PDB file of all heavy atoms in Angstrom:
ATOM      1  N   GLN A   1       0.801  -1.226   0.000  1.00  0.00           N
ATOM      2  CA  GLN A   1       0.000   0.000   0.000  1.00  0.00           C
ATOM      3  C   GLN A   1       0.839   1.285   0.000  1.00  0.00           C
ATOM      4  O   GLN A   1       0.482   2.240  -0.697  1.00  0.00           O
ATOM      5  CB  GLN A   1      -0.959   0.013   1.199  1.00  0.00           C
ATOM      6  CG  GLN A   1      -2.103  -0.981   1.075  1.00  0.00           C
ATOM      7  CD  GLN A   1      -2.962  -1.000   2.338  1.00  0.00           C
ATOM      8  OE1 GLN A   1      -4.013  -0.392   2.396  1.00  0.00           O
ATOM      9  NE2 GLN A   1      -2.498  -1.707   3.354  1.00  0.00           N
ATOM     10  N   PRO A   2       1.948   1.356   0.737  1.00  0.00           N
ATOM     11  CA  PRO A   2       2.743   2.593   0.664  1.00  0.00           C
ATOM     12  C   PRO A   2       3.287   2.879  -0.729  1.00  0.00           C
ATOM     13  O   PRO A   2       3.388   4.032  -1.129  1.00  0.00           O
ATOM     14  CB  PRO A   2       3.880   2.328   1.654  1.00  0.00           C
ATOM     15  CG  PRO A   2       3.335   1.330   2.606  1.00  0.00           C
ATOM     16  CD  PRO A   2       2.473   0.437   1.771  1.00  0.00           C
ATOM     17  N   ALA A   3       3.620   1.818  -1.467  1.00  0.00           N
ATOM     18  CA  ALA A   3       4.187   1.999  -2.804  1.00  0.00           C
ATOM     19  C   ALA A   3       3.117   2.256  -3.839  1.00  0.00           C
ATOM     20  O   ALA A   3       3.257   3.153  -4.687  1.00  0.00           O
ATOM     21  CB  ALA A   3       5.007   0.762  -3.196  1.00  0.00           C
ATOM     22  N   MET A   4       2.052   1.487  -3.820  1.00  0.00           N
ATOM     23  CA  MET A   4       1.004   1.556  -4.849  1.00  0.00           C
ATOM     24  C   MET A   4      -0.369   1.591  -4.204  1.00  0.00           C
ATOM     25  O   MET A   4      -1.071   0.579  -4.157  1.00  0.00           O
ATOM     26  CB  MET A   4       1.113   0.348  -5.782  1.00  0.00           C
ATOM     27  CG  MET A   4       2.429   0.226  -6.507  1.00  0.00           C
ATOM     28  SD  MET A   4       2.439  -1.224  -7.587  1.00  0.00           S
ATOM     29  CE  MET A   4       2.343  -2.545  -6.364  1.00  0.00           C
ATOM     30  N   PRO A   5      -0.773   2.738  -3.672  1.00  0.00           N
ATOM     31  CA  PRO A   5      -2.057   2.781  -2.962  1.00  0.00           C
ATOM     32  C   PRO A   5      -3.252   2.419  -3.832  1.00  0.00           C
ATOM     33  O   PRO A   5      -4.174   1.744  -3.369  1.00  0.00           O
ATOM     34  CB  PRO A   5      -2.131   4.222  -2.454  1.00  0.00           C
ATOM     35  CG  PRO A   5      -1.136   4.993  -3.256  1.00  0.00           C
ATOM     36  CD  PRO A   5      -0.062   4.027  -3.628  1.00  0.00           C
ATOM     37  N   GLN A   6      -3.262   2.844  -5.099  1.00  0.00           N
ATOM     38  CA  GLN A   6      -4.408   2.549  -5.966  1.00  0.00           C
ATOM     39  C   GLN A   6      -4.518   1.058  -6.255  1.00  0.00           C
ATOM     40  O   GLN A   6      -5.584   0.453  -6.086  1.00  0.00           O
ATOM     41  CB  GLN A   6      -4.293   3.325  -7.282  1.00  0.00           C
ATOM     42  CG  GLN A   6      -4.607   4.807  -7.171  1.00  0.00           C
ATOM     43  CD  GLN A   6      -4.627   5.484  -8.531  1.00  0.00           C
ATOM     44  OE1 GLN A   6      -4.001   5.024  -9.493  1.00  0.00           O
ATOM     45  NE2 GLN A   6      -5.340   6.587  -8.624  1.00  0.00           N
ATOM     46  N   ALA A   7      -3.436   0.459  -6.718  1.00  0.00           N
ATOM     47  CA  ALA A   7      -3.464  -0.956  -7.084  1.00  0.00           C
ATOM     48  C   ALA A   7      -3.700  -1.835  -5.863  1.00  0.00           C
ATOM     49  O   ALA A   7      -4.448  -2.828  -5.927  1.00  0.00           O
ATOM     50  CB  ALA A   7      -2.156  -1.354  -7.767  1.00  0.00           C
ATOM     51  N   SER A   8      -3.094  -1.491  -4.750  1.00  0.00           N
ATOM     52  CA  SER A   8      -3.277  -2.289  -3.531  1.00  0.00           C
ATOM     53  C   SER A   8      -4.730  -2.245  -3.076  1.00  0.00           C
ATOM     54  O   SER A   8      -5.287  -3.258  -2.642  1.00  0.00           O
ATOM     55  CB  SER A   8      -2.354  -1.775  -2.425  1.00  0.00           C
ATOM     56  OG  SER A   8      -0.999  -1.896  -2.796  1.00  0.00           O
ATOM     57  N   GLU A   9      -5.342  -1.067  -3.191  1.00  0.00           N
ATOM     58  CA  GLU A   9      -6.750  -0.937  -2.831  1.00  0.00           C
ATOM     59  C   GLU A   9      -7.615  -1.847  -3.712  1.00  0.00           C
ATOM     60  O   GLU A   9      -8.529  -2.525  -3.225  1.00  0.00           O
ATOM     61  CB  GLU A   9      -7.203   0.511  -2.967  1.00  0.00           C
ATOM     62  CG  GLU A   9      -8.666   0.742  -2.612  1.00  0.00           C
ATOM     63  CD  GLU A   9      -9.103   2.177  -2.774  1.00  0.00           C
ATOM     64  OE1 GLU A   9      -8.362   2.970  -3.394  1.00  0.00           O
ATOM     65  OE2 GLU A   9     -10.199   2.514  -2.286  1.00  0.00           O
ATOM     66  N   LYS A  10      -7.327  -1.873  -5.009  1.00  0.00           N
ATOM     67  CA  LYS A  10      -8.084  -2.724  -5.919  1.00  0.00           C
ATOM     68  C   LYS A  10      -7.925  -4.204  -5.558  1.00  0.00           C
ATOM     69  O   LYS A  10      -8.898  -4.968  -5.556  1.00  0.00           O
ATOM     70  CB  LYS A  10      -7.636  -2.483  -7.359  1.00  0.00           C
ATOM     71  CG  LYS A  10      -8.004  -1.118  -7.900  1.00  0.00           C
ATOM     72  CD  LYS A  10      -7.402  -0.892  -9.291  1.00  0.00           C
ATOM     73  CE  LYS A  10      -7.683   0.503  -9.802  1.00  0.00           C
ATOM     74  NZ  LYS A  10      -7.001   0.759 -11.109  1.00  0.00           N
ATOM     75  N   LEU A  11      -6.700  -4.621  -5.264  1.00  0.00           N
ATOM     76  CA  LEU A  11      -6.464  -6.017  -4.895  1.00  0.00           C
ATOM     77  C   LEU A  11      -7.202  -6.384  -3.615  1.00  0.00           C
ATOM     78  O   LEU A  11      -7.816  -7.451  -3.516  1.00  0.00           O
ATOM     79  CB  LEU A  11      -4.964  -6.274  -4.714  1.00  0.00           C
ATOM     80  CG  LEU A  11      -4.130  -6.469  -5.976  1.00  0.00           C
ATOM     81  CD1 LEU A  11      -2.648  -6.545  -5.618  1.00  0.00           C
ATOM     82  CD2 LEU A  11      -4.559  -7.731  -6.725  1.00  0.00           C
ATOM     83  N   LEU A  12      -7.145  -5.495  -2.630  1.00  0.00           N
ATOM     84  CA  LEU A  12      -7.799  -5.785  -1.348  1.00  0.00           C
ATOM     85  C   LEU A  12      -9.318  -5.766  -1.493  1.00  0.00           C
ATOM     86  O   LEU A  12     -10.022  -6.527  -0.820  1.00  0.00           O
ATOM     87  CB  LEU A  12      -7.332  -4.792  -0.283  1.00  0.00           C
ATOM     88  CG  LEU A  12      -5.853  -4.975   0.117  1.00  0.00           C
ATOM     89  CD1 LEU A  12      -5.342  -3.790   0.910  1.00  0.00           C
ATOM     90  CD2 LEU A  12      -5.679  -6.273   0.909  1.00  0.00           C
ATOM     91  N   ASP A  13      -9.825  -4.924  -2.397  1.00  0.00           N
ATOM     92  CA  ASP A  13     -11.259  -4.964  -2.706  1.00  0.00           C
ATOM     93  C   ASP A  13     -11.634  -6.310  -3.318  1.00  0.00           C
ATOM     94  O   ASP A  13     -12.660  -6.909  -2.961  1.00  0.00           O
ATOM     95  CB  ASP A  13     -11.625  -3.845  -3.690  1.00  0.00           C
ATOM     96  CG  ASP A  13     -11.640  -2.462  -3.052  1.00  0.00           C
ATOM     97  OD1 ASP A  13     -11.630  -2.374  -1.809  1.00  0.00           O
ATOM     98  OD2 ASP A  13     -11.652  -1.472  -3.816  1.00  0.00           O
ATOM     99  N   LEU A  14     -10.815  -6.801  -4.255  1.00  0.00           N
ATOM    100  CA  LEU A  14     -11.086  -8.080  -4.907  1.00  0.00           C
ATOM    101  C   LEU A  14     -11.037  -9.241  -3.918  1.00  0.00           C
ATOM    102  O   LEU A  14     -11.665 -10.276  -4.129  1.00  0.00           O
ATOM    103  CB  LEU A  14     -10.077  -8.325  -6.037  1.00  0.00           C
ATOM    104  CG  LEU A  14     -10.209  -7.420  -7.264  1.00  0.00           C
ATOM    105  CD1 LEU A  14      -9.046  -7.655  -8.218  1.00  0.00           C
ATOM    106  CD2 LEU A  14     -11.543  -7.654  -7.980  1.00  0.00           C
ATOM    107  N   LEU A  15     -10.281  -9.045  -2.825  1.00  0.00           N
ATOM    108  CA  LEU A  15     -10.182 -10.076  -1.791  1.00  0.00           C
ATOM    109  C   LEU A  15     -11.212  -9.873  -0.684  1.00  0.00           C
ATOM    110  O   LEU A  15     -11.168 -10.550   0.349  1.00  0.00           O
ATOM    111  CB  LEU A  15      -8.767 -10.083  -1.201  1.00  0.00           C
ATOM    112  CG  LEU A  15      -7.690 -10.633  -2.150  1.00  0.00           C
ATOM    113  CD1 LEU A  15      -6.305 -10.237  -1.668  1.00  0.00           C
ATOM    114  CD2 LEU A  15      -7.806 -12.153  -2.265  1.00  0.00           C
ATOM    115  N   GLY A  16     -12.119  -8.917  -0.878  1.00  0.00           N
ATOM    116  CA  GLY A  16     -13.204  -8.717   0.071  1.00  0.00           C
ATOM    117  C   GLY A  16     -12.789  -8.144   1.401  1.00  0.00           C
ATOM    118  O   GLY A  16     -13.514  -8.297   2.401  1.00  0.00           O
ATOM    119  N   GLN A  17     -11.658  -7.447   1.434  1.00  0.00           N
ATOM    120  CA  GLN A  17     -11.158  -6.909   2.703  1.00  0.00           C
ATOM    121  C   GLN A  17     -11.780  -5.542   2.990  1.00  0.00           C
ATOM    122  O   GLN A  17     -11.731  -4.637   2.152  1.00  0.00           O
ATOM    123  CB  GLN A  17      -9.634  -6.794   2.658  1.00  0.00           C
ATOM    124  CG  GLN A  17      -8.930  -8.118   2.421  1.00  0.00           C
ATOM    125  CD  GLN A  17      -9.305  -9.146   3.460  1.00  0.00           C
ATOM    126  OE1 GLN A  17      -8.925  -9.032   4.628  1.00  0.00           O
ATOM    127  NE2 GLN A  17     -10.068 -10.152   3.054  1.00  0.00           N
ATOM    128  N   SER A  18     -12.360  -5.387   4.159  1.00  0.00           N
ATOM    129  CA  SER A  18     -12.974  -4.113   4.531  1.00  0.00           C
ATOM    130  C   SER A  18     -11.900  -3.051   4.703  1.00  0.00           C
ATOM    131  O   SER A  18     -10.718  -3.359   4.917  1.00  0.00           O
ATOM    132  CB  SER A  18     -13.762  -4.264   5.830  1.00  0.00           C
ATOM    133  OG  SER A  18     -12.875  -4.458   6.921  1.00  0.00           O
ATOM    134  N   SER A  19     -12.311  -1.790   4.625  1.00  0.00           N
ATOM    135  CA  SER A  19     -11.357  -0.690   4.766  1.00  0.00           C
ATOM    136  C   SER A  19     -10.700  -0.682   6.142  1.00  0.00           C
ATOM    137  O   SER A  19      -9.614  -0.123   6.316  1.00  0.00           O
ATOM    138  CB  SER A  19     -12.050   0.649   4.519  1.00  0.00           C
ATOM    139  OG  SER A  19     -13.120   0.830   5.433  1.00  0.00           O
ATOM    140  N   GLY A  20     -11.330  -1.314   7.113  1.00  0.00           N
ATOM    141  CA  GLY A  20     -10.765  -1.353   8.460  1.00  0.00           C
ATOM    142  C   GLY A  20      -9.878  -2.551   8.727  1.00  0.00           C
ATOM    143  O   GLY A  20      -9.443  -2.761   9.854  1.00  0.00           O
ATOM    144  N   ALA A  21      -9.588  -3.340   7.700  1.00  0.00           N
ATOM    145  CA  ALA A  21      -8.776  -4.556   7.885  1.00  0.00           C
ATOM    146  C   ALA A  21      -7.551  -4.536   6.990  1.00  0.00           C
ATOM    147  O   ALA A  21      -7.154  -5.560   6.443  1.00  0.00           O
ATOM    148  CB  ALA A  21      -9.624  -5.795   7.597  1.00  0.00           C
ATOM    149  N   ARG A  22      -6.932  -3.361   6.879  1.00  0.00           N
ATOM    150  CA  ARG A  22      -5.819  -3.228   5.934  1.00  0.00           C
ATOM    151  C   ARG A  22      -4.569  -2.666   6.577  1.00  0.00           C
ATOM    152  O   ARG A  22      -3.653  -2.227   5.891  1.00  0.00           O
ATOM    153  CB  ARG A  22      -6.259  -2.345   4.754  1.00  0.00           C
ATOM    154  CG  ARG A  22      -7.479  -2.908   4.038  1.00  0.00           C
ATOM    155  CD  ARG A  22      -7.898  -2.105   2.831  1.00  0.00           C
ATOM    156  NE  ARG A  22      -9.082  -2.705   2.200  1.00  0.00           N
ATOM    157  CZ  ARG A  22      -9.548  -2.394   1.013  1.00  0.00           C
ATOM    158  NH1 ARG A  22      -8.931  -1.465   0.291  1.00  0.00           N
ATOM    159  NH2 ARG A  22     -10.614  -2.988   0.513  1.00  0.00           N
ATOM    160  N   MET A  23      -4.519  -2.668   7.899  1.00  0.00           N
ATOM    161  CA  MET A  23      -3.346  -2.199   8.621  1.00  0.00           C
ATOM    162  C   MET A  23      -2.352  -3.339   8.777  1.00  0.00           C
ATOM    163  O   MET A  23      -2.693  -4.514   8.633  1.00  0.00           O
ATOM    164  CB  MET A  23      -3.750  -1.668   9.991  1.00  0.00           C
ATOM    165  CG  MET A  23      -4.761  -0.535   9.949  1.00  0.00           C
ATOM    166  SD  MET A  23      -4.043   1.031   9.419  1.00  0.00           S
ATOM    167  CE  MET A  23      -3.180   1.511  10.922  1.00  0.00           C
ATOM    168  N   PHE A  24      -1.115  -2.992   9.099  1.00  0.00           N
ATOM    169  CA  PHE A  24      -0.122  -4.040   9.337  1.00  0.00           C
ATOM    170  C   PHE A  24      -0.531  -4.936  10.504  1.00  0.00           C
ATOM    171  O   PHE A  24      -0.213  -6.121  10.543  1.00  0.00           O
ATOM    172  CB  PHE A  24       1.252  -3.432   9.604  1.00  0.00           C
ATOM    173  CG  PHE A  24       1.836  -2.698   8.425  1.00  0.00           C
ATOM    174  CD1 PHE A  24       2.826  -1.748   8.604  1.00  0.00           C
ATOM    175  CD2 PHE A  24       1.399  -2.958   7.131  1.00  0.00           C
ATOM    176  CE1 PHE A  24       3.366  -1.066   7.527  1.00  0.00           C
ATOM    177  CE2 PHE A  24       1.934  -2.284   6.041  1.00  0.00           C
ATOM    178  CZ  PHE A  24       2.922  -1.334   6.249  1.00  0.00           C
ATOM    179  N   ALA A  25      -1.264  -4.352  11.445  1.00  0.00           N
ATOM    180  CA  ALA A  25      -1.730  -5.132  12.595  1.00  0.00           C
ATOM    181  C   ALA A  25      -2.715  -6.216  12.189  1.00  0.00           C
ATOM    182  O   ALA A  25      -2.970  -7.150  12.944  1.00  0.00           O
ATOM    183  CB  ALA A  25      -2.372  -4.211  13.627  1.00  0.00           C
ATOM    184  N   ASP A  26      -3.291  -6.110  10.981  1.00  0.00           N
ATOM    185  CA  ASP A  26      -4.255  -7.100  10.503  1.00  0.00           C
ATOM    186  C   ASP A  26      -3.582  -8.279   9.789  1.00  0.00           C
ATOM    187  O   ASP A  26      -4.264  -9.232   9.393  1.00  0.00           O
ATOM    188  CB  ASP A  26      -5.253  -6.448   9.535  1.00  0.00           C
ATOM    189  CG  ASP A  26      -6.063  -5.353  10.208  1.00  0.00           C
ATOM    190  OD1 ASP A  26      -6.626  -5.626  11.282  1.00  0.00           O
ATOM    191  OD2 ASP A  26      -6.116  -4.228   9.674  1.00  0.00           O
ATOM    192  N   LEU A  27      -2.277  -8.223   9.622  1.00  0.00           N
ATOM    193  CA  LEU A  27      -1.602  -9.281   8.874  1.00  0.00           C
ATOM    194  C   LEU A  27      -1.647 -10.649   9.553  1.00  0.00           C
ATOM    195  O   LEU A  27      -1.722 -11.665   8.858  1.00  0.00           O
ATOM    196  CB  LEU A  27      -0.142  -8.884   8.593  1.00  0.00           C
ATOM    197  CG  LEU A  27       0.025  -7.843   7.471  1.00  0.00           C
ATOM    198  CD1 LEU A  27       1.459  -7.359   7.405  1.00  0.00           C
ATOM    199  CD2 LEU A  27      -0.379  -8.447   6.138  1.00  0.00           C
ATOM    200  N   PRO A  28      -1.603 -10.744  10.884  1.00  0.00           N
ATOM    201  CA  PRO A  28      -1.654 -12.093  11.467  1.00  0.00           C
ATOM    202  C   PRO A  28      -2.960 -12.830  11.205  1.00  0.00           C
ATOM    203  O   PRO A  28      -3.007 -14.056  11.274  1.00  0.00           O
ATOM    204  CB  PRO A  28      -1.466 -11.828  12.968  1.00  0.00           C
ATOM    205  CG  PRO A  28      -0.794 -10.504  13.043  1.00  0.00           C
ATOM    206  CD  PRO A  28      -1.342  -9.724  11.893  1.00  0.00           C
ATOM    207  N   ALA A  29      -4.015 -12.070  10.908  1.00  0.00           N
ATOM    208  CA  ALA A  29      -5.302 -12.721  10.638  1.00  0.00           C
ATOM    209  C   ALA A  29      -5.221 -13.476   9.315  1.00  0.00           C
ATOM    210  O   ALA A  29      -4.281 -13.335   8.543  1.00  0.00           O
ATOM    211  CB  ALA A  29      -6.407 -11.675  10.588  1.00  0.00           C
ATOM    212  N   ARG A  30      -6.224 -14.295   9.049  1.00  0.00           N
ATOM    213  CA  ARG A  30      -6.282 -15.049   7.797  1.00  0.00           C
ATOM    214  C   ARG A  30      -7.569 -14.680   7.053  1.00  0.00           C
ATOM    215  O   ARG A  30      -8.536 -14.182   7.632  1.00  0.00           O
ATOM    216  CB  ARG A  30      -6.288 -16.554   8.077  1.00  0.00           C
ATOM    217  CG  ARG A  30      -4.948 -17.111   8.563  1.00  0.00           C
ATOM    218  CD  ARG A  30      -4.041 -17.370   7.368  1.00  0.00           C
ATOM    219  NE  ARG A  30      -2.843 -18.092   7.771  1.00  0.00           N
ATOM    220  CZ  ARG A  30      -1.625 -17.568   7.820  1.00  0.00           C
ATOM    221  NH1 ARG A  30      -1.449 -16.289   7.523  1.00  0.00           N
ATOM    222  NH2 ARG A  30      -0.597 -18.307   8.169  1.00  0.00           N
ATOM    223  N   LEU A  31      -7.566 -14.929   5.762  1.00  0.00           N
ATOM    224  CA  LEU A  31      -8.794 -14.799   4.978  1.00  0.00           C
ATOM    225  C   LEU A  31      -9.892 -15.657   5.588  1.00  0.00           C
ATOM    226  O   LEU A  31      -9.636 -16.792   6.006  1.00  0.00           O
ATOM    227  CB  LEU A  31      -8.549 -15.254   3.541  1.00  0.00           C
ATOM    228  CG  LEU A  31      -7.983 -14.234   2.546  1.00  0.00           C
ATOM    229  CD1 LEU A  31      -7.598 -14.949   1.254  1.00  0.00           C
ATOM    230  CD2 LEU A  31      -8.999 -13.139   2.272  1.00  0.00           C
ATOM    231  N   ALA A  32     -11.094 -15.128   5.625  1.00  0.00           N
ATOM    232  CA  ALA A  32     -12.214 -15.876   6.204  1.00  0.00           C
ATOM    233  C   ALA A  32     -12.823 -16.805   5.149  1.00  0.00           C
ATOM    234  O   ALA A  32     -13.301 -16.333   4.110  1.00  0.00           O
ATOM    235  CB  ALA A  32     -13.270 -14.906   6.713  1.00  0.00           C
ATOM    236  N   PRO A  33     -12.817 -18.120   5.370  1.00  0.00           N
ATOM    237  CA  PRO A  33     -13.487 -19.037   4.433  1.00  0.00           C
ATOM    238  C   PRO A  33     -14.968 -18.679   4.298  1.00  0.00           C
ATOM    239  O   PRO A  33     -15.618 -18.275   5.264  1.00  0.00           O
ATOM    240  CB  PRO A  33     -13.301 -20.404   5.096  1.00  0.00           C
ATOM    241  CG  PRO A  33     -12.102 -20.252   5.971  1.00  0.00           C
ATOM    242  CD  PRO A  33     -12.150 -18.839   6.472  1.00  0.00           C
ATOM    243  N   GLY A  34     -15.479 -18.775   3.082  1.00  0.00           N
ATOM    244  CA  GLY A  34     -16.869 -18.444   2.830  1.00  0.00           C
ATOM    245  C   GLY A  34     -17.110 -16.986   2.514  1.00  0.00           C
ATOM    246  O   GLY A  34     -18.245 -16.596   2.198  1.00  0.00           O
ATOM    247  N   LEU A  35     -16.069 -16.157   2.587  1.00  0.00           N
ATOM    248  CA  LEU A  35     -16.205 -14.730   2.285  1.00  0.00           C
ATOM    249  C   LEU A  35     -16.530 -14.552   0.801  1.00  0.00           C
ATOM    250  O   LEU A  35     -15.837 -15.082  -0.068  1.00  0.00           O
ATOM    251  CB  LEU A  35     -14.896 -14.006   2.624  1.00  0.00           C
ATOM    252  CG  LEU A  35     -14.840 -12.498   2.343  1.00  0.00           C
ATOM    253  CD1 LEU A  35     -15.799 -11.739   3.244  1.00  0.00           C
ATOM    254  CD2 LEU A  35     -13.412 -11.986   2.527  1.00  0.00           C
TER     255      LEU A  35
END
């Protein structure tokens, strides 16, 4: 995200990640099955 905010936002949108789940602190979590 620091390097490519636009492209990273698009990728995270495609992965169904909410705007509140994109911090470095969210990295230990995993993708939710069934999302």
